[in-house]
N, C-alpha and C. Protein backbone atom coordinates (compact mmCIF):
# COMPACT_ATOMS: atom_id res chain seq x y z
N MET A 1 30.82 4.85 -19.36
CA MET A 1 30.54 3.39 -19.12
C MET A 1 29.25 3.26 -18.46
N ALA A 2 29.04 1.92 -18.70
CA ALA A 2 27.74 1.54 -18.25
C ALA A 2 27.72 0.98 -17.04
N LYS A 3 26.60 1.75 -16.15
CA LYS A 3 26.93 0.81 -14.51
C LYS A 3 27.00 -0.77 -14.61
N LYS A 4 27.34 -0.91 -13.73
CA LYS A 4 26.81 -2.48 -13.18
C LYS A 4 25.90 -2.68 -12.34
N PRO A 5 24.94 -3.95 -12.94
CA PRO A 5 23.82 -3.84 -12.50
C PRO A 5 24.30 -3.97 -10.93
N SER A 6 23.22 -3.94 -9.96
CA SER A 6 23.66 -3.83 -8.77
C SER A 6 22.96 -4.69 -7.82
N ALA A 7 23.81 -5.73 -6.64
CA ALA A 7 23.35 -7.17 -6.42
C ALA A 7 22.02 -6.23 -5.53
N ARG A 8 21.41 -7.77 -5.36
CA ARG A 8 19.97 -7.77 -4.66
C ARG A 8 20.38 -7.35 -3.40
N ALA A 9 19.34 -6.90 -2.71
CA ALA A 9 19.77 -6.19 -0.98
C ALA A 9 19.93 -8.18 -0.66
N GLU A 10 20.53 -8.47 0.29
CA GLU A 10 20.83 -9.66 1.13
C GLU A 10 19.72 -9.56 2.39
N PHE A 11 19.42 -8.37 3.16
CA PHE A 11 18.63 -8.17 4.51
C PHE A 11 17.53 -7.13 4.38
N VAL A 12 16.68 -7.16 4.56
CA VAL A 12 15.26 -6.75 4.57
C VAL A 12 15.34 -6.26 6.26
N LEU A 13 15.32 -5.24 6.62
CA LEU A 13 15.42 -4.11 7.68
C LEU A 13 13.56 -4.10 8.14
N PHE A 14 13.54 -4.74 10.06
CA PHE A 14 12.35 -4.66 10.33
C PHE A 14 12.88 -3.84 11.61
N ASP A 15 11.34 -2.90 12.11
CA ASP A 15 11.25 -2.43 13.37
C ASP A 15 10.46 -3.02 14.24
N VAL A 16 11.05 -2.97 14.98
CA VAL A 16 10.04 -4.44 16.26
C VAL A 16 9.40 -3.33 17.24
N LEU A 17 8.11 -3.94 17.37
CA LEU A 17 7.56 -3.35 18.86
C LEU A 17 7.06 -4.49 19.09
N TYR A 18 6.79 -4.61 20.96
CA TYR A 18 7.06 -5.38 21.73
C TYR A 18 6.34 -5.06 22.70
N GLU A 19 5.50 -5.75 23.27
CA GLU A 19 4.26 -6.06 24.14
C GLU A 19 4.47 -4.66 25.76
N ASP A 20 5.96 -4.90 26.01
CA ASP A 20 5.99 -4.00 27.04
C ASP A 20 6.24 -2.23 26.07
N GLY A 21 6.00 -2.74 24.65
CA GLY A 21 6.26 -1.20 24.58
C GLY A 21 7.75 -0.50 24.17
N SER A 22 8.08 -1.03 24.40
CA SER A 22 9.55 -1.09 23.83
C SER A 22 9.39 -1.03 21.89
N ARG A 23 10.48 -0.98 21.65
CA ARG A 23 11.16 -0.58 20.10
C ARG A 23 12.15 -0.82 19.80
N ARG A 24 12.88 -2.08 19.06
CA ARG A 24 13.94 -2.11 18.16
C ARG A 24 14.16 -1.94 16.69
N SER A 25 14.55 -1.17 16.23
CA SER A 25 14.70 -0.48 15.04
C SER A 25 16.07 -1.57 14.08
N ASN A 26 15.72 -1.82 13.11
CA ASN A 26 16.58 -2.24 11.76
C ASN A 26 17.12 -3.40 12.12
N ARG A 27 15.94 -4.23 12.40
CA ARG A 27 16.52 -6.07 12.61
C ARG A 27 16.59 -6.71 11.46
N LYS A 28 17.43 -7.31 11.27
CA LYS A 28 17.72 -7.95 10.25
C LYS A 28 17.63 -9.26 9.55
N VAL A 29 16.64 -9.13 8.55
CA VAL A 29 15.94 -10.60 8.54
C VAL A 29 16.76 -10.70 6.91
N PRO A 30 17.20 -12.03 6.37
CA PRO A 30 17.79 -12.73 5.16
C PRO A 30 16.51 -12.21 4.28
N SER A 31 16.83 -11.66 2.94
CA SER A 31 15.61 -11.74 2.44
C SER A 31 15.02 -12.76 1.62
N GLY A 32 16.18 -13.17 1.22
CA GLY A 32 15.62 -14.47 1.01
C GLY A 32 14.64 -15.70 1.59
N LEU A 33 14.70 -15.60 2.85
CA LEU A 33 13.07 -16.30 3.99
C LEU A 33 12.13 -15.31 3.44
N LEU A 34 11.48 -14.19 2.76
CA LEU A 34 10.62 -13.38 2.88
C LEU A 34 9.62 -13.35 0.92
N GLY A 35 8.57 -13.43 1.55
CA GLY A 35 7.91 -12.89 0.33
C GLY A 35 7.20 -14.42 0.16
N GLY A 36 7.16 -14.97 -1.25
CA GLY A 36 5.48 -16.19 -1.53
C GLY A 36 4.38 -15.41 -0.81
N LEU A 37 4.01 -16.81 -0.19
CA LEU A 37 2.63 -16.59 0.46
C LEU A 37 2.21 -16.40 1.47
N ASP A 38 3.38 -16.40 2.28
CA ASP A 38 3.77 -16.15 3.75
C ASP A 38 4.07 -14.83 3.89
N GLY A 39 4.39 -13.95 3.20
CA GLY A 39 4.83 -12.35 2.83
C GLY A 39 6.05 -12.05 4.16
N ASP A 40 5.27 -11.46 5.33
CA ASP A 40 6.61 -11.33 5.94
C ASP A 40 6.94 -12.29 7.63
N GLU A 41 5.99 -13.21 7.12
CA GLU A 41 5.35 -13.56 8.11
C GLU A 41 6.77 -14.25 8.59
N PRO A 42 7.61 -14.74 8.52
CA PRO A 42 9.28 -15.80 8.20
C PRO A 42 10.15 -15.11 9.35
N ALA A 43 9.38 -13.42 9.13
CA ALA A 43 10.49 -12.69 10.04
C ALA A 43 10.52 -12.23 10.49
N ARG A 44 8.95 -13.22 11.32
CA ARG A 44 8.71 -12.68 12.82
C ARG A 44 9.50 -14.14 13.71
N VAL A 45 9.65 -14.90 12.70
CA VAL A 45 10.04 -16.20 13.72
C VAL A 45 11.70 -16.22 13.53
N VAL A 46 12.27 -15.97 12.36
CA VAL A 46 13.83 -14.82 12.67
C VAL A 46 13.89 -14.43 13.87
N ILE A 47 13.17 -12.98 13.78
CA ILE A 47 13.51 -12.25 14.87
C ILE A 47 13.64 -12.88 15.86
N GLU A 48 12.07 -13.54 16.70
CA GLU A 48 11.82 -14.60 17.66
C GLU A 48 13.43 -15.32 18.10
N GLN A 49 13.82 -15.97 17.17
CA GLN A 49 14.87 -16.64 17.26
C GLN A 49 16.21 -15.74 17.83
N GLN A 50 16.52 -14.31 17.23
CA GLN A 50 17.74 -13.47 17.32
C GLN A 50 17.47 -12.98 18.47
N ASP A 51 15.74 -13.24 19.03
CA ASP A 51 15.78 -12.78 20.49
C ASP A 51 16.14 -13.76 21.62
N LEU A 52 15.68 -14.85 21.06
CA LEU A 52 16.27 -16.17 21.87
C LEU A 52 17.56 -16.21 22.42
N GLU A 53 18.55 -15.91 21.70
CA GLU A 53 19.76 -15.89 21.80
C GLU A 53 19.93 -14.69 22.33
N ILE A 54 19.91 -13.56 22.42
CA ILE A 54 20.01 -12.68 22.85
C ILE A 54 19.45 -12.46 24.36
N ALA A 55 18.40 -13.28 24.65
CA ALA A 55 18.07 -12.90 25.77
C ALA A 55 18.81 -14.26 26.43
N GLU A 56 19.41 -15.55 25.89
CA GLU A 56 20.18 -16.21 26.92
C GLU A 56 21.67 -15.75 26.96
N LYS A 57 22.11 -14.80 26.22
CA LYS A 57 23.30 -14.02 26.58
C LYS A 57 23.11 -13.32 27.74
N SER A 58 22.02 -12.43 27.77
CA SER A 58 21.55 -11.56 28.76
C SER A 58 21.42 -11.61 30.25
N GLY A 59 20.75 -13.02 29.49
CA GLY A 59 20.61 -13.94 31.35
C GLY A 59 18.63 -13.57 31.83
N GLN A 60 17.94 -12.47 30.37
CA GLN A 60 16.80 -12.10 31.10
C GLN A 60 15.98 -12.57 29.96
N PRO A 61 14.77 -12.73 30.32
CA PRO A 61 13.41 -13.79 29.20
C PRO A 61 13.29 -12.80 28.20
N PRO A 62 13.12 -13.70 26.89
CA PRO A 62 13.00 -12.34 25.85
C PRO A 62 11.67 -11.77 26.06
N LEU A 63 11.36 -11.00 25.31
CA LEU A 63 10.65 -10.30 24.75
C LEU A 63 9.27 -10.78 24.18
N ARG A 64 7.85 -10.46 23.92
CA ARG A 64 6.50 -10.82 23.09
C ARG A 64 7.35 -9.97 22.23
N ILE A 65 6.62 -10.27 20.93
CA ILE A 65 6.44 -9.49 20.24
C ILE A 65 5.62 -8.46 19.18
N LYS A 66 4.86 -7.40 19.58
CA LYS A 66 3.42 -7.65 19.27
C LYS A 66 3.34 -6.84 17.67
N SER A 67 3.85 -6.15 17.43
CA SER A 67 4.16 -5.96 15.62
C SER A 67 5.55 -5.85 14.98
N LEU A 68 5.41 -6.04 13.71
CA LEU A 68 6.40 -6.01 13.00
C LEU A 68 6.16 -5.25 11.89
N GLN A 69 7.46 -4.02 11.39
CA GLN A 69 7.07 -3.52 10.13
C GLN A 69 8.00 -3.04 9.80
N ARG A 70 8.41 -3.25 8.19
CA ARG A 70 9.66 -3.07 6.92
C ARG A 70 10.18 -1.75 7.43
N VAL A 71 11.24 -1.25 7.39
CA VAL A 71 11.92 0.04 7.34
C VAL A 71 11.55 0.37 5.94
N GLY A 72 10.73 1.87 6.43
CA GLY A 72 10.51 2.68 4.83
C GLY A 72 9.38 2.36 4.59
N ALA A 73 8.62 0.80 5.27
CA ALA A 73 7.43 1.01 4.37
C ALA A 73 6.43 2.39 5.17
N LYS A 74 4.89 2.41 4.46
CA LYS A 74 4.40 3.07 4.23
C LYS A 74 3.33 2.91 5.87
N LYS A 75 2.80 3.12 6.66
CA LYS A 75 1.49 2.52 7.61
C LYS A 75 0.57 2.66 7.31
């Protein structure tokens, strides 16, 4: 029997490096927001919003993002 076509990935995972040197891995960003002329730049906005929500819940200030890299992307 033939395989069914697989569904397109709903999320793209990113590793985030913060200015204080800390790193968070596998941060999810909806794949529909990425691509086009802006490339991965919309991911920064989404992750900053996630960080803001986390900071509000934890009572600590949000960290500033130094760089983003897709999980599995070559350096």
